[in-house]
């Protein structure tokens, strides 16, 4: 079931984002679709392998792994390609080292009825 949708724009010259998850809810899937080709020059999305696995910490959910020890991947994508990943995955947009903006559309898909992003969109 679709949960939310939108577009993220990295302006020309934007720096690397910090690694972050979009939330901590299990059962949500990010569907990213670049509207332009993305590569190392304009900044593809970088993902940390296995970082979707969270544990309960003293202050709430926290990543199971120390983020600086986890291997990453930043695939080049063509406009219209689709990149799917768990909503809890640590990821970031890489720097846009071009003179053009980098738009990426997204859809958040809920694996079951009634599930949604309560972290970013509380009721």
Protein backbone atom coordinates (compact mmCIF):
# COMPACT_ATOMS: atom_id res chain seq x y z
CA UNK A 1 0.00 0.00 0.00
CA UNK A 2 1.45 3.43 -0.87
CA UNK A 3 2.27 5.42 2.29
CA UNK A 4 3.80 8.64 0.97
CA UNK A 5 5.41 10.12 -2.12
CA UNK A 6 7.42 13.16 -3.10
CA UNK A 7 10.53 14.49 -4.74
CA UNK A 8 13.99 15.24 -3.33
CA UNK A 9 16.15 17.80 -5.12
CA UNK A 10 19.92 18.14 -4.70
CA UNK A 11 20.89 21.59 -5.94
CA UNK A 12 23.97 22.12 -8.09
CA UNK A 13 27.01 22.09 -5.81
CA UNK A 14 25.19 20.45 -2.87
CA UNK A 15 27.55 18.59 -0.47
CA UNK A 16 27.24 14.97 0.69
CA UNK A 17 24.31 14.39 3.02
CA UNK A 18 24.90 12.73 6.37
CA UNK A 19 23.98 9.05 6.55
CA UNK A 20 20.46 8.62 7.92
CA UNK A 21 17.52 6.21 7.91
CA UNK A 22 14.17 7.60 6.84
CA UNK A 23 12.59 6.01 9.92
CA UNK A 24 12.59 3.00 12.20
CA UNK A 25 9.33 1.26 11.22
CA UNK A 26 9.72 -2.30 9.97
CA UNK A 27 7.80 -3.12 6.80
CA UNK A 28 8.26 0.12 4.83
CA UNK A 29 10.11 0.12 1.51
CA UNK A 30 11.65 3.16 -0.21
CA UNK A 31 11.21 3.26 -3.98
CA UNK A 32 13.58 5.86 -5.47
CA UNK A 33 13.34 6.81 -9.15
CA UNK A 34 15.80 9.41 -10.47
CA UNK A 35 14.38 11.86 -12.97
CA UNK A 36 17.86 12.36 -14.48
CA UNK A 37 20.80 9.97 -14.82
CA UNK A 38 22.71 9.80 -11.52
CA UNK A 39 26.38 8.93 -11.11
CA UNK A 40 29.48 9.93 -9.15
CA UNK A 41 29.40 13.44 -10.64
CA UNK A 42 25.87 14.46 -9.65
CA UNK A 43 25.63 12.20 -6.63
CA UNK A 44 23.98 8.81 -6.55
CA UNK A 45 22.32 7.47 -3.39
CA UNK A 46 24.85 5.67 -1.15
CA UNK A 47 23.57 2.77 1.00
CA UNK A 48 25.17 0.93 3.97
CA UNK A 49 24.81 -2.86 3.67
CA UNK A 50 22.81 -4.47 6.48
CA UNK A 51 22.10 -1.16 8.22
CA UNK A 52 18.35 -1.84 8.14
CA UNK A 53 18.84 -4.23 11.05
CA UNK A 54 18.03 -2.34 14.25
CA UNK A 55 18.05 -3.30 17.93
CA UNK A 56 16.31 -1.82 20.95
CA UNK A 57 18.67 0.55 22.76
CA UNK A 58 18.27 2.46 25.99
CA UNK A 59 16.98 5.50 24.09
CA UNK A 60 14.93 3.58 21.51
CA UNK A 61 15.76 1.81 18.23
CA UNK A 62 19.37 2.06 17.10
CA UNK A 63 21.41 0.54 14.23
CA UNK A 64 22.75 -2.93 14.95
CA UNK A 65 26.16 -2.10 13.46
CA UNK A 66 28.61 0.75 14.00
CA UNK A 67 27.94 2.74 10.84
CA UNK A 68 31.60 3.48 10.08
CA UNK A 69 32.37 -0.27 9.83
CA UNK A 70 29.73 -1.16 7.23
CA UNK A 71 30.50 -1.42 3.51
CA UNK A 72 28.61 0.93 1.18
CA UNK A 73 27.36 0.92 -2.38
CA UNK A 74 26.32 3.91 -4.54
CA UNK A 75 24.86 2.61 -7.81
CA UNK A 76 24.77 4.69 -10.97
CA UNK A 77 21.18 4.85 -12.23
CA UNK A 78 19.52 5.97 -15.44
CA UNK A 79 16.50 8.28 -15.40
CA UNK A 80 13.48 6.05 -14.72
CA UNK A 81 15.44 3.22 -13.05
CA UNK A 82 14.07 2.10 -9.70
CA UNK A 83 16.09 1.60 -6.49
CA UNK A 84 14.27 -0.21 -3.68
CA UNK A 85 15.56 -0.43 -0.11
CA UNK A 86 14.30 -0.93 3.42
CA UNK A 87 13.11 2.32 5.01
CA UNK A 88 15.46 1.74 7.98
CA UNK A 89 18.58 1.52 5.77
CA UNK A 90 21.26 4.11 6.49
CA UNK A 91 21.72 6.07 3.25
CA UNK A 92 22.66 9.48 1.90
CA UNK A 93 22.67 11.48 -1.29
CA UNK A 94 26.23 12.02 -2.49
CA UNK A 95 27.53 15.47 -3.43
CA UNK A 96 26.20 17.03 -6.62
CA UNK A 97 29.38 18.28 -8.28
CA UNK A 98 27.62 19.55 -11.39
CA UNK A 99 25.90 22.78 -12.44
CA UNK A 100 22.50 21.05 -12.77
CA UNK A 101 20.03 19.98 -10.05
CA UNK A 102 19.48 16.28 -9.32
CA UNK A 103 15.77 15.45 -8.81
CA UNK A 104 14.74 12.06 -7.44
CA UNK A 105 11.11 11.04 -7.02
CA UNK A 106 10.19 8.60 -4.29
CA UNK A 107 7.36 6.43 -3.06
CA UNK A 108 7.22 4.79 0.36
CA UNK A 109 5.42 1.47 0.16
CA UNK A 110 3.88 -0.20 3.25
CA UNK A 111 4.04 -4.00 3.27
CA UNK A 112 0.73 -4.28 5.14
CA UNK A 113 -2.47 -2.31 5.66
CA UNK A 114 -2.34 0.18 8.54
CA UNK A 115 1.45 0.47 8.56
CA UNK A 116 2.88 3.94 8.05
CA UNK A 117 5.70 6.31 8.94
CA UNK A 118 4.79 7.41 12.47
CA UNK A 119 8.37 8.66 13.05
CA UNK A 120 8.30 11.49 10.48
CA UNK A 121 4.51 11.86 10.21
CA UNK A 122 2.94 11.36 13.66
CA UNK A 123 -0.84 11.36 13.78
